[in-house]
């Protein structure tokens, strides 16, 4: 017989039937990039768990969503996840959102999803916005197979990771912040070679969206001379 992981907090079967967590992607820039289904879910749940309630408040106001929000972010999730699970088991329906994009993709969410699953709570993830897919497609680099790295380690283990990625046989997708982009492009030249093809997309879906393509050195030289703002996605070609 297949082993089933037992719940930590479940007190009765009625709670399990009522329990649900919905993961709701939110726009990464353009407020129009949200589905009708996502809006309906945010209006219908009892509580919205938001990474930054002030930031998410703008989205909710835009769509006349009056659902109460609670704060849920990387600095408090370990402390409050058990309490959230208990509340869902007691019958509250909740939606999890982050400041932009799909929760748990380089954002808080994984811990809560894991704990809900461990407690037999239904978890549903809606389809929606995420930054790396449009950046990958827009890069013009092979997208049939790719590796999503997310953010590189800032210090310890960074060079080891770059050495590993340099030999990876598929396109590689990185997230990066504006103040580290030039450093990362220099390191791509160092570990991958000056001629490795790179695409850098920033401000995706926003007014000043741009994608710069070329060799690692060419892209670096461009951003030395131009403004660095917004969230950034780097796509690196295969060897």
C-alpha atoms as a PDB file:
ATOM      1  CA  UNK A   1       0.000   0.000   0.000  1.00  0.00           C
ATOM      2  CA  UNK A   2       1.304   3.466  -0.894  1.00  0.00           C
ATOM      3  CA  UNK A   3       2.414   5.506   2.094  1.00  0.00           C
ATOM      4  CA  UNK A   4       0.598   8.810   2.544  1.00  0.00           C
ATOM      5  CA  UNK A   5       2.220  11.599   4.508  1.00  0.00           C
ATOM      6  CA  UNK A   6       0.030  12.379   7.505  1.00  0.00           C
ATOM      7  CA  UNK A   7      -1.128  15.872   8.361  1.00  0.00           C
ATOM      8  CA  UNK A   8       0.540  17.740  11.195  1.00  0.00           C
ATOM      9  CA  UNK A   9      -2.407  19.871  12.273  1.00  0.00           C
ATOM     10  CA  UNK A  10      -5.632  18.377  10.856  1.00  0.00           C
ATOM     11  CA  UNK A  11      -8.269  17.857  13.525  1.00  0.00           C
ATOM     12  CA  UNK A  12     -11.191  16.548  11.474  1.00  0.00           C
ATOM     13  CA  UNK A  13     -12.178  15.620   7.919  1.00  0.00           C
ATOM     14  CA  UNK A  14     -14.606  18.536   7.529  1.00  0.00           C
ATOM     15  CA  UNK A  15     -11.712  20.972   7.793  1.00  0.00           C
ATOM     16  CA  UNK A  16      -9.826  19.198   5.035  1.00  0.00           C
ATOM     17  CA  UNK A  17     -12.762  19.520   2.644  1.00  0.00           C
ATOM     18  CA  UNK A  18     -13.037  23.272   3.218  1.00  0.00           C
ATOM     19  CA  UNK A  19      -9.327  24.012   3.182  1.00  0.00           C
ATOM     20  CA  UNK A  20      -7.767  25.662   0.143  1.00  0.00           C
ATOM     21  CA  UNK A  21      -4.824  27.854  -0.823  1.00  0.00           C
ATOM     22  CA  UNK A  22      -4.776  29.510  -4.237  1.00  0.00           C
ATOM     23  CA  UNK A  23      -1.524  30.811  -5.727  1.00  0.00           C
ATOM     24  CA  UNK A  24      -2.337  33.898  -7.808  1.00  0.00           C
ATOM     25  CA  UNK A  25       0.157  35.477 -10.229  1.00  0.00           C
ATOM     26  CA  UNK A  26       0.007  39.270 -10.407  1.00  0.00           C
ATOM     27  CA  UNK A  27       1.199  41.695 -13.118  1.00  0.00           C
ATOM     28  CA  UNK A  28       4.935  42.272 -13.406  1.00  0.00           C
ATOM     29  CA  UNK A  29       4.437  45.845 -14.572  1.00  0.00           C
ATOM     30  CA  UNK A  30       1.367  46.452 -16.699  1.00  0.00           C
ATOM     31  CA  UNK A  31      -1.747  46.201 -14.521  1.00  0.00           C
ATOM     32  CA  UNK A  32      -3.714  44.835 -17.498  1.00  0.00           C
ATOM     33  CA  UNK A  33      -1.697  41.609 -17.336  1.00  0.00           C
ATOM     34  CA  UNK A  34      -3.977  39.800 -14.908  1.00  0.00           C
ATOM     35  CA  UNK A  35      -6.596  37.190 -15.718  1.00  0.00           C
ATOM     36  CA  UNK A  36     -10.313  37.513 -15.021  1.00  0.00           C
ATOM     37  CA  UNK A  37     -10.051  34.328 -13.003  1.00  0.00           C
ATOM     38  CA  UNK A  38      -7.318  35.809 -10.807  1.00  0.00           C
ATOM     39  CA  UNK A  39      -9.458  38.890 -10.115  1.00  0.00           C
ATOM     40  CA  UNK A  40     -12.439  36.717  -9.180  1.00  0.00           C
ATOM     41  CA  UNK A  41     -10.350  34.581  -6.823  1.00  0.00           C
ATOM     42  CA  UNK A  42      -8.925  37.655  -5.086  1.00  0.00           C
ATOM     43  CA  UNK A  43     -12.441  38.979  -4.573  1.00  0.00           C
ATOM     44  CA  UNK A  44     -13.838  35.693  -3.252  1.00  0.00           C
ATOM     45  CA  UNK A  45     -11.208  34.460  -0.777  1.00  0.00           C
ATOM     46  CA  UNK A  46     -11.315  35.380   2.893  1.00  0.00           C
ATOM     47  CA  UNK A  47      -7.704  36.573   3.090  1.00  0.00           C
ATOM     48  CA  UNK A  48      -5.030  37.657   0.602  1.00  0.00           C
ATOM     49  CA  UNK A  49      -1.476  36.938   1.749  1.00  0.00           C
ATOM     50  CA  UNK A  50       0.654  39.695   0.206  1.00  0.00           C
ATOM     51  CA  UNK A  51       4.405  40.209   0.087  1.00  0.00           C
ATOM     52  CA  UNK A  52       3.994  43.991   0.502  1.00  0.00           C
ATOM     53  CA  UNK A  53       0.475  45.087   1.417  1.00  0.00           C
ATOM     54  CA  UNK A  54       1.155  48.684   0.363  1.00  0.00           C
ATOM     55  CA  UNK A  55       2.289  47.634  -3.093  1.00  0.00           C
ATOM     56  CA  UNK A  56      -0.507  45.086  -3.528  1.00  0.00           C
ATOM     57  CA  UNK A  57      -3.017  47.651  -2.291  1.00  0.00           C
ATOM     58  CA  UNK A  58      -2.558  49.567  -5.547  1.00  0.00           C
ATOM     59  CA  UNK A  59      -3.512  46.489  -7.578  1.00  0.00           C
ATOM     60  CA  UNK A  60      -6.517  45.719  -5.397  1.00  0.00           C
ATOM     61  CA  UNK A  61      -7.735  49.306  -5.576  1.00  0.00           C
ATOM     62  CA  UNK A  62      -7.383  49.299  -9.366  1.00  0.00           C
ATOM     63  CA  UNK A  63      -9.734  46.296  -9.618  1.00  0.00           C
ATOM     64  CA  UNK A  64     -12.078  47.245  -6.753  1.00  0.00           C
ATOM     65  CA  UNK A  65     -10.989  44.273  -4.658  1.00  0.00           C
ATOM     66  CA  UNK A  66     -11.866  44.816  -1.006  1.00  0.00           C
ATOM     67  CA  UNK A  67     -10.564  41.542   0.440  1.00  0.00           C
ATOM     68  CA  UNK A  68      -8.498  41.925   3.607  1.00  0.00           C
ATOM     69  CA  UNK A  69      -4.749  41.445   3.275  1.00  0.00           C
ATOM     70  CA  UNK A  70      -2.211  39.929   5.649  1.00  0.00           C
ATOM     71  CA  UNK A  71       1.536  40.342   5.275  1.00  0.00           C
ATOM     72  CA  UNK A  72       3.492  37.278   4.116  1.00  0.00           C
ATOM     73  CA  UNK A  73       7.114  37.724   3.031  1.00  0.00           C
ATOM     74  CA  UNK A  74      10.560  36.168   3.263  1.00  0.00           C
ATOM     75  CA  UNK A  75      11.290  37.798   6.642  1.00  0.00           C
ATOM     76  CA  UNK A  76       8.236  36.445   8.472  1.00  0.00           C
ATOM     77  CA  UNK A  77       7.174  33.305   6.614  1.00  0.00           C
ATOM     78  CA  UNK A  78       9.000  30.845   8.882  1.00  0.00           C
ATOM     79  CA  UNK A  79       7.355  32.401  11.942  1.00  0.00           C
ATOM     80  CA  UNK A  80       3.784  32.568  10.676  1.00  0.00           C
ATOM     81  CA  UNK A  81       3.406  29.630   8.267  1.00  0.00           C
ATOM     82  CA  UNK A  82       2.088  27.270  10.951  1.00  0.00           C
ATOM     83  CA  UNK A  83      -0.542  29.789  12.015  1.00  0.00           C
ATOM     84  CA  UNK A  84      -1.663  30.286   8.431  1.00  0.00           C
ATOM     85  CA  UNK A  85      -2.007  26.547   7.928  1.00  0.00           C
ATOM     86  CA  UNK A  86      -4.132  26.298  11.057  1.00  0.00           C
ATOM     87  CA  UNK A  87      -6.392  29.097   9.857  1.00  0.00           C
ATOM     88  CA  UNK A  88      -6.919  27.416   6.503  1.00  0.00           C
ATOM     89  CA  UNK A  89      -7.699  24.156   8.269  1.00  0.00           C
ATOM     90  CA  UNK A  90     -10.269  26.044  10.334  1.00  0.00           C
ATOM     91  CA  UNK A  91     -12.088  26.961   7.136  1.00  0.00           C
ATOM     92  CA  UNK A  92     -10.584  30.202   5.824  1.00  0.00           C
ATOM     93  CA  UNK A  93      -9.796  30.382   2.108  1.00  0.00           C
ATOM     94  CA  UNK A  94      -6.609  32.218   1.204  1.00  0.00           C
ATOM     95  CA  UNK A  95      -4.813  33.495  -1.862  1.00  0.00           C
ATOM     96  CA  UNK A  96      -1.061  34.094  -1.973  1.00  0.00           C
ATOM     97  CA  UNK A  97       0.354  36.897  -4.106  1.00  0.00           C
ATOM     98  CA  UNK A  98       3.756  38.564  -4.381  1.00  0.00           C
ATOM     99  CA  UNK A  99       4.718  42.053  -5.496  1.00  0.00           C
ATOM    100  CA  UNK A 100       4.903  40.893  -9.108  1.00  0.00           C
ATOM    101  CA  UNK A 101       4.695  37.627 -11.008  1.00  0.00           C
ATOM    102  CA  UNK A 102       4.099  34.080  -9.825  1.00  0.00           C
ATOM    103  CA  UNK A 103       4.720  33.296  -6.134  1.00  0.00           C
ATOM    104  CA  UNK A 104       7.483  30.773  -5.304  1.00  0.00           C
ATOM    105  CA  UNK A 105       9.495  31.650  -8.450  1.00  0.00           C
ATOM    106  CA  UNK A 106      12.410  33.513  -6.816  1.00  0.00           C
ATOM    107  CA  UNK A 107       9.761  34.832  -4.384  1.00  0.00           C
ATOM    108  CA  UNK A 108       8.139  33.597  -1.160  1.00  0.00           C
ATOM    109  CA  UNK A 109       5.664  30.749  -1.538  1.00  0.00           C
ATOM    110  CA  UNK A 110       7.433  27.405  -1.540  1.00  0.00           C
ATOM    111  CA  UNK A 111       7.381  27.005   2.240  1.00  0.00           C
ATOM    112  CA  UNK A 112       3.643  27.646   2.498  1.00  0.00           C
ATOM    113  CA  UNK A 113       2.804  25.370  -0.425  1.00  0.00           C
ATOM    114  CA  UNK A 114       4.879  22.570   1.103  1.00  0.00           C
ATOM    115  CA  UNK A 115       3.198  22.911   4.501  1.00  0.00           C
ATOM    116  CA  UNK A 116      -0.278  22.984   2.984  1.00  0.00           C
ATOM    117  CA  UNK A 117       0.421  19.816   1.012  1.00  0.00           C
ATOM    118  CA  UNK A 118       1.783  18.157   4.162  1.00  0.00           C
ATOM    119  CA  UNK A 119      -1.514  18.946   5.866  1.00  0.00           C
ATOM    120  CA  UNK A 120      -3.771  17.701   3.068  1.00  0.00           C
ATOM    121  CA  UNK A 121      -4.831  21.230   2.123  1.00  0.00           C
ATOM    122  CA  UNK A 122      -5.758  21.682  -1.522  1.00  0.00           C
ATOM    123  CA  UNK A 123      -3.306  23.941  -3.366  1.00  0.00           C
ATOM    124  CA  UNK A 124      -4.201  25.459  -6.730  1.00  0.00           C
ATOM    125  CA  UNK A 125      -1.843  27.615  -8.795  1.00  0.00           C
ATOM    126  CA  UNK A 126      -3.408  29.856 -11.437  1.00  0.00           C
ATOM    127  CA  UNK A 127      -1.544  30.520 -14.701  1.00  0.00           C
ATOM    128  CA  UNK A 128      -0.261  34.022 -15.180  1.00  0.00           C
ATOM    129  CA  UNK A 129       2.561  36.506 -15.390  1.00  0.00           C
ATOM    130  CA  UNK A 130       6.200  35.635 -14.839  1.00  0.00           C
ATOM    131  CA  UNK A 131       9.203  37.591 -16.103  1.00  0.00           C
ATOM    132  CA  UNK A 132      11.498  34.909 -17.470  1.00  0.00           C
ATOM    133  CA  UNK A 133       9.165  33.441 -20.131  1.00  0.00           C
ATOM    134  CA  UNK A 134       8.755  36.624 -22.220  1.00  0.00           C
ATOM    135  CA  UNK A 135      12.476  37.369 -21.770  1.00  0.00           C
ATOM    136  CA  UNK A 136      13.430  33.895 -22.987  1.00  0.00           C
ATOM    137  CA  UNK A 137      11.119  34.012 -26.007  1.00  0.00           C
ATOM    138  CA  UNK A 138      12.195  37.575 -26.805  1.00  0.00           C
ATOM    139  CA  UNK A 139      15.889  36.694 -26.662  1.00  0.00           C
ATOM    140  CA  UNK A 140      15.894  34.829 -29.954  1.00  0.00           C
ATOM    141  CA  UNK A 141      18.032  32.154 -28.301  1.00  0.00           C
ATOM    142  CA  UNK A 142      17.008  28.454 -28.308  1.00  0.00           C
ATOM    143  CA  UNK A 143      14.039  27.997 -25.998  1.00  0.00           C
ATOM    144  CA  UNK A 144      13.076  24.366 -26.613  1.00  0.00           C
ATOM    145  CA  UNK A 145      15.273  23.414 -23.649  1.00  0.00           C
ATOM    146  CA  UNK A 146      16.555  25.821 -21.036  1.00  0.00           C
ATOM    147  CA  UNK A 147      17.798  26.008 -17.458  1.00  0.00           C
ATOM    148  CA  UNK A 148      16.289  28.494 -15.014  1.00  0.00           C
ATOM    149  CA  UNK A 149      18.955  29.489 -12.503  1.00  0.00           C
ATOM    150  CA  UNK A 150      17.185  32.481 -10.945  1.00  0.00           C
ATOM    151  CA  UNK A 151      19.498  34.665  -8.856  1.00  0.00           C
ATOM    152  CA  UNK A 152      23.150  33.670  -8.618  1.00  0.00           C
ATOM    153  CA  UNK A 153      24.713  33.511  -5.147  1.00  0.00           C
ATOM    154  CA  UNK A 154      25.892  37.006  -4.269  1.00  0.00           C
ATOM    155  CA  UNK A 155      29.180  35.896  -2.677  1.00  0.00           C
ATOM    156  CA  UNK A 156      29.886  32.366  -1.453  1.00  0.00           C
ATOM    157  CA  UNK A 157      29.647  29.785  -4.215  1.00  0.00           C
ATOM    158  CA  UNK A 158      29.145  32.303  -7.016  1.00  0.00           C
ATOM    159  CA  UNK A 159      32.250  31.403  -9.038  1.00  0.00           C
ATOM    160  CA  UNK A 160      31.643  27.677  -8.584  1.00  0.00           C
ATOM    161  CA  UNK A 161      28.124  28.141  -9.914  1.00  0.00           C
ATOM    162  CA  UNK A 162      29.322  30.157 -12.916  1.00  0.00           C
ATOM    163  CA  UNK A 163      31.865  27.458 -13.807  1.00  0.00           C
ATOM    164  CA  UNK A 164      29.085  24.858 -13.740  1.00  0.00           C
ATOM    165  CA  UNK A 165      26.727  26.946 -15.859  1.00  0.00           C
ATOM    166  CA  UNK A 166      29.405  27.743 -18.455  1.00  0.00           C
ATOM    167  CA  UNK A 167      29.335  24.141 -19.644  1.00  0.00           C
ATOM    168  CA  UNK A 168      25.575  23.680 -19.473  1.00  0.00           C
ATOM    169  CA  UNK A 169      24.266  22.460 -22.864  1.00  0.00           C
ATOM    170  CA  UNK A 170      21.109  24.629 -23.011  1.00  0.00           C
ATOM    171  CA  UNK A 171      20.115  28.275 -22.759  1.00  0.00           C
ATOM    172  CA  UNK A 172      20.401  29.656 -19.220  1.00  0.00           C
ATOM    173  CA  UNK A 173      18.043  32.161 -17.592  1.00  0.00           C
ATOM    174  CA  UNK A 174      19.188  34.405 -14.736  1.00  0.00           C
ATOM    175  CA  UNK A 175      17.490  37.074 -12.667  1.00  0.00           C
ATOM    176  CA  UNK A 176      19.616  40.064 -11.721  1.00  0.00           C
ATOM    177  CA  UNK A 177      19.339  43.449 -10.030  1.00  0.00           C
ATOM    178  CA  UNK A 178      20.430  46.685 -11.745  1.00  0.00           C
ATOM    179  CA  UNK A 179      23.355  47.342  -9.401  1.00  0.00           C
ATOM    180  CA  UNK A 180      24.874  43.897 -10.047  1.00  0.00           C
ATOM    181  CA  UNK A 181      24.230  43.630 -13.792  1.00  0.00           C
ATOM    182  CA  UNK A 182      27.582  44.999 -14.979  1.00  0.00           C
ATOM    183  CA  UNK A 183      29.482  42.741 -12.580  1.00  0.00           C
ATOM    184  CA  UNK A 184      27.504  39.729 -13.788  1.00  0.00           C
ATOM    185  CA  UNK A 185      28.110  40.548 -17.464  1.00  0.00           C
ATOM    186  CA  UNK A 186      31.848  40.853 -16.767  1.00  0.00           C
ATOM    187  CA  UNK A 187      31.773  37.440 -15.078  1.00  0.00           C
ATOM    188  CA  UNK A 188      29.850  35.934 -17.991  1.00  0.00           C
ATOM    189  CA  UNK A 189      32.659  37.122 -20.283  1.00  0.00           C
ATOM    190  CA  UNK A 190      35.217  35.674 -17.874  1.00  0.00           C
ATOM    191  CA  UNK A 191      33.618  32.244 -17.397  1.00  0.00           C
ATOM    192  CA  UNK A 192      31.629  31.820 -20.634  1.00  0.00           C
ATOM    193  CA  UNK A 193      33.823  33.831 -23.038  1.00  0.00           C
ATOM    194  CA  UNK A 194      33.516  37.298 -24.579  1.00  0.00           C
ATOM    195  CA  UNK A 195      31.698  35.924 -27.631  1.00  0.00           C
ATOM    196  CA  UNK A 196      28.947  34.029 -25.788  1.00  0.00           C
ATOM    197  CA  UNK A 197      25.580  35.371 -26.946  1.00  0.00           C
ATOM    198  CA  UNK A 198      23.557  37.143 -24.285  1.00  0.00           C
ATOM    199  CA  UNK A 199      20.156  38.822 -24.131  1.00  0.00           C
ATOM    200  CA  UNK A 200      19.240  41.255 -21.353  1.00  0.00           C
ATOM    201  CA  UNK A 201      15.598  42.258 -20.860  1.00  0.00           C
ATOM    202  CA  UNK A 202      14.519  44.890 -18.367  1.00  0.00           C
ATOM    203  CA  UNK A 203      11.287  46.639 -17.398  1.00  0.00           C
ATOM    204  CA  UNK A 204       9.255  43.852 -19.048  1.00  0.00           C
ATOM    205  CA  UNK A 205       5.656  44.980 -19.836  1.00  0.00           C
ATOM    206  CA  UNK A 206       6.448  48.536 -18.677  1.00  0.00           C
ATOM    207  CA  UNK A 207       6.734  51.782 -20.650  1.00  0.00           C
ATOM    208  CA  UNK A 208      10.522  51.636 -20.987  1.00  0.00           C
ATOM    209  CA  UNK A 209      10.835  47.912 -21.707  1.00  0.00           C
ATOM    210  CA  UNK A 210      13.906  46.990 -23.712  1.00  0.00           C
ATOM    211  CA  UNK A 211      15.855  43.919 -24.752  1.00  0.00           C
ATOM    212  CA  UNK A 212      19.536  44.180 -25.687  1.00  0.00           C
ATOM    213  CA  UNK A 213      21.123  41.294 -27.569  1.00  0.00           C
ATOM    214  CA  UNK A 214      24.725  40.595 -28.534  1.00  0.00           C
ATOM    215  CA  UNK A 215      27.924  39.115 -27.180  1.00  0.00           C
ATOM    216  CA  UNK A 216      28.556  39.344 -23.459  1.00  0.00           C
ATOM    217  CA  UNK A 217      31.079  42.128 -24.094  1.00  0.00           C
ATOM    218  CA  UNK A 218      28.773  44.061 -26.440  1.00  0.00           C
ATOM    219  CA  UNK A 219      25.898  43.959 -23.989  1.00  0.00           C
ATOM    220  CA  UNK A 220      28.179  44.989 -21.128  1.00  0.00           C
ATOM    221  CA  UNK A 221      29.502  47.947 -23.124  1.00  0.00           C
ATOM    222  CA  UNK A 222      25.944  49.042 -23.932  1.00  0.00           C
ATOM    223  CA  UNK A 223      24.864  49.131 -20.307  1.00  0.00           C
ATOM    224  CA  UNK A 224      28.017  50.996 -19.264  1.00  0.00           C
ATOM    225  CA  UNK A 225      26.648  53.884 -21.329  1.00  0.00           C
ATOM    226  CA  UNK A 226      22.913  53.514 -20.626  1.00  0.00           C
ATOM    227  CA  UNK A 227      20.455  53.672 -17.743  1.00  0.00           C
ATOM    228  CA  UNK A 228      20.159  50.682 -15.462  1.00  0.00           C
ATOM    229  CA  UNK A 229      16.729  50.483 -13.845  1.00  0.00           C
ATOM    230  CA  UNK A 230      14.082  47.865 -13.193  1.00  0.00           C
ATOM    231  CA  UNK A 231      14.015  44.120 -12.792  1.00  0.00           C
ATOM    232  CA  UNK A 232      16.387  42.327 -15.180  1.00  0.00           C
ATOM    233  CA  UNK A 233      16.369  38.927 -16.890  1.00  0.00           C
ATOM    234  CA  UNK A 234      19.533  37.623 -18.555  1.00  0.00           C
ATOM    235  CA  UNK A 235      19.424  34.812 -21.107  1.00  0.00           C
ATOM    236  CA  UNK A 236      22.736  33.175 -22.044  1.00  0.00           C
ATOM    237  CA  UNK A 237      23.143  31.013 -25.130  1.00  0.00           C
ATOM    238  CA  UNK A 238      24.282  27.417 -25.046  1.00  0.00           C
ATOM    239  CA  UNK A 239      28.013  26.782 -25.703  1.00  0.00           C
END
